[in-house]
Amino acid sequence: MKRVVLIACGKQKQPRRAAAKDLYVGTLFKLSLRFAKSLNPSMIFILSAKHGLLDLEREIEPYDTTLNNMSIAETKAWSAGVVAQIRAHADLHQDHFIFLAGDRYRRFIIPHVRSFEIPLRGLRIGEQLQFLKGQVST
C-alpha cells in the first residue's frame, strides 16, 4: 500500500516560472509540504486549481485560478480530471491518501478513494498553521 499526500495549491506564488514545490510561497503551503515530507509518504502531489494533479518538480508558470470561483459543476469536472490523473500513479482502492487540502479541493475526490485521512479537518486557517508548526518543529 502506498501513502499518497495531496496538498492544496496556494494563492501566493512566485512571479516567475518555477518547480511547483517552489512556485507556491504561502506559509500554509510551505508548512503543509514540510509536514507531508515528514510523513515519509510514497508520493506527494499538489492539487492545483489550474493544472489538476501536479508533480512537485513540474515547472509551471504563475497563474490566478482558484476553485473558490468555480461552480459546483466546474469543481466536479476538475475533480474527475484529478481522479483520472491520480489513477496513473496510485490505486484508489488499495492506497492510503492524506489530504492537506480544504473541502473544495477534496470533496469530490474522496468518494473515489477507499482509505484516507484529513489531518486538518475542521481547523480554521490559524489553527491549521498552529497544528502544522507543531508537527514540523518537533
Protein backbone atom coordinates (compact mmCIF):
# COMPACT_ATOMS: atom_id res chain seq x y z
CA MET A 1 0.00 0.00 0.00
CA LYS A 2 1.32 3.43 -0.96
CA ARG A 3 0.82 6.53 1.16
CA VAL A 4 -0.05 9.48 -1.04
CA VAL A 5 -0.21 13.05 0.27
CA LEU A 6 -2.29 15.61 -1.63
CA ILE A 7 -1.62 19.27 -0.79
CA ALA A 8 -3.78 22.17 -1.95
CA CYS A 9 -2.07 24.81 -4.06
CA GLY A 10 -1.82 28.32 -2.67
CA LYS A 11 -2.80 31.78 -3.78
CA GLN A 12 0.62 33.30 -3.08
CA LYS A 13 3.06 32.44 -5.86
CA GLN A 14 6.45 33.42 -7.14
CA PRO A 15 6.21 35.91 -10.02
CA ARG A 16 8.11 33.61 -12.40
CA ARG A 17 8.14 30.04 -13.72
CA ALA A 18 9.29 27.54 -11.11
CA ALA A 19 9.01 23.94 -9.99
CA ALA A 20 5.57 23.51 -8.43
CA LYS A 21 7.08 22.90 -4.97
CA ASP A 22 8.81 26.27 -5.21
CA LEU A 23 6.11 28.26 -7.01
CA TYR A 24 3.74 28.41 -4.04
CA VAL A 25 5.23 30.63 -1.34
CA GLY A 26 2.42 31.00 1.22
CA THR A 27 3.05 29.89 4.80
CA LEU A 28 0.22 27.31 4.79
CA PHE A 29 1.56 25.66 1.63
CA LYS A 30 5.17 25.65 2.87
CA LEU A 31 4.20 24.15 6.23
CA SER A 32 1.91 21.61 4.55
CA LEU A 33 4.77 20.49 2.30
CA ARG A 34 7.17 20.17 5.25
CA PHE A 35 4.55 18.17 7.17
CA ALA A 36 3.88 15.98 4.12
CA LYS A 37 7.57 15.19 3.77
CA SER A 38 7.79 14.34 7.48
CA LEU A 39 5.21 11.59 6.93
CA ASN A 40 7.63 9.73 4.62
CA PRO A 41 4.94 9.07 2.02
CA SER A 42 5.37 7.16 -1.21
CA MET A 43 4.29 10.23 -3.18
CA ILE A 44 3.35 13.87 -2.69
CA PHE A 45 1.28 15.81 -5.19
CA ILE A 46 -0.16 19.30 -5.32
CA LEU A 47 -3.84 19.81 -6.12
CA SER A 48 -3.73 22.77 -8.50
CA ALA A 49 -6.90 24.60 -9.49
CA LYS A 50 -5.42 25.18 -12.94
CA HIS A 51 -3.34 22.04 -13.58
CA GLY A 52 -5.10 19.36 -11.54
CA LEU A 53 -2.58 16.92 -10.05
CA LEU A 54 0.92 18.38 -10.06
CA ASP A 55 4.22 16.62 -9.50
CA LEU A 56 6.39 18.66 -7.11
CA GLU A 57 9.13 19.06 -9.72
CA ARG A 58 6.93 20.05 -12.66
CA GLU A 59 7.78 23.55 -13.81
CA ILE A 60 4.79 25.82 -14.28
CA GLU A 61 4.05 29.50 -14.79
CA PRO A 62 2.29 31.54 -12.10
CA TYR A 63 -1.48 31.62 -12.53
CA ASP A 64 -4.55 33.06 -10.85
CA THR A 65 -7.13 30.27 -10.80
CA THR A 66 -8.97 29.04 -7.72
CA LEU A 67 -11.71 26.54 -7.07
CA ASN A 68 -13.37 29.19 -4.90
CA ASN A 69 -14.59 30.93 -8.08
CA MET A 70 -15.81 27.73 -9.76
CA SER A 71 -19.35 26.44 -9.83
CA ILE A 72 -20.15 23.03 -8.35
CA ALA A 73 -20.30 21.59 -11.88
CA GLU A 74 -16.87 23.02 -12.70
CA THR A 75 -15.46 21.72 -9.41
CA LYS A 76 -16.90 18.26 -10.11
CA ALA A 77 -15.33 18.28 -13.59
CA TRP A 78 -11.98 19.40 -12.14
CA SER A 79 -12.18 16.63 -9.52
CA ALA A 80 -12.98 14.00 -12.15
CA GLY A 81 -9.85 15.07 -14.03
CA VAL A 82 -7.77 14.85 -10.85
CA VAL A 83 -9.11 11.37 -10.08
CA ALA A 84 -8.09 10.26 -13.58
CA GLN A 85 -4.62 11.75 -13.02
CA ILE A 86 -4.29 10.01 -9.64
CA ARG A 87 -5.15 6.66 -11.27
CA ALA A 88 -1.97 6.96 -13.35
CA HIS A 89 0.13 6.99 -10.15
CA ALA A 90 -1.82 5.23 -7.40
CA ASP A 91 -4.54 2.70 -6.71
CA LEU A 92 -7.65 4.48 -5.47
CA HIS A 93 -8.87 1.38 -3.65
CA GLN A 94 -5.61 -0.01 -2.24
CA ASP A 95 -3.52 3.06 -1.39
CA HIS A 96 -3.93 5.46 1.54
CA PHE A 97 -4.46 9.16 0.84
CA ILE A 98 -3.69 12.03 3.18
CA PHE A 99 -5.43 15.27 2.25
CA LEU A 100 -3.83 18.56 3.27
CA ALA A 101 -6.47 20.50 1.40
CA GLY A 102 -9.72 22.27 2.07
CA ASP A 103 -13.17 20.88 1.36
CA ARG A 104 -13.44 22.37 -2.13
CA TYR A 105 -10.27 20.55 -3.18
CA ARG A 106 -11.15 17.17 -1.67
CA ARG A 107 -14.97 16.92 -1.59
CA PHE A 108 -15.47 15.22 -4.96
CA ILE A 109 -12.22 13.22 -4.85
CA ILE A 110 -12.84 11.48 -1.52
CA PRO A 111 -15.78 9.37 -2.77
CA HIS A 112 -13.34 7.70 -5.19
CA VAL A 113 -10.79 6.61 -2.58
CA ARG A 114 -11.25 3.88 -0.01
CA SER A 115 -8.63 4.83 2.60
CA PHE A 116 -7.94 8.42 3.56
CA GLU A 117 -7.33 10.87 6.38
CA ILE A 118 -7.74 14.63 6.72
CA PRO A 119 -5.42 15.86 9.49
CA LEU A 120 -6.57 19.49 9.17
CA ARG A 121 -10.31 18.78 9.01
CA GLY A 122 -12.40 21.28 10.94
CA LEU A 123 -9.50 23.61 11.70
CA ARG A 124 -9.59 27.28 10.78
CA ILE A 125 -6.56 28.70 8.95
CA GLY A 126 -4.85 29.90 12.13
CA GLU A 127 -5.44 26.53 13.77
CA GLN A 128 -4.09 24.74 10.70
CA LEU A 129 -0.93 26.83 10.83
CA GLN A 130 -0.54 26.17 14.55
CA PHE A 131 -1.04 22.41 14.09
CA LEU A 132 1.43 22.23 11.21
CA LYS A 133 4.05 24.32 13.02
CA GLY A 134 3.78 21.96 15.98
CA GLN A 135 4.22 18.93 13.74
CA VAL A 136 7.21 20.15 11.75
CA SER A 137 9.13 21.74 14.61
CA THR A 138 9.39 18.52 16.58
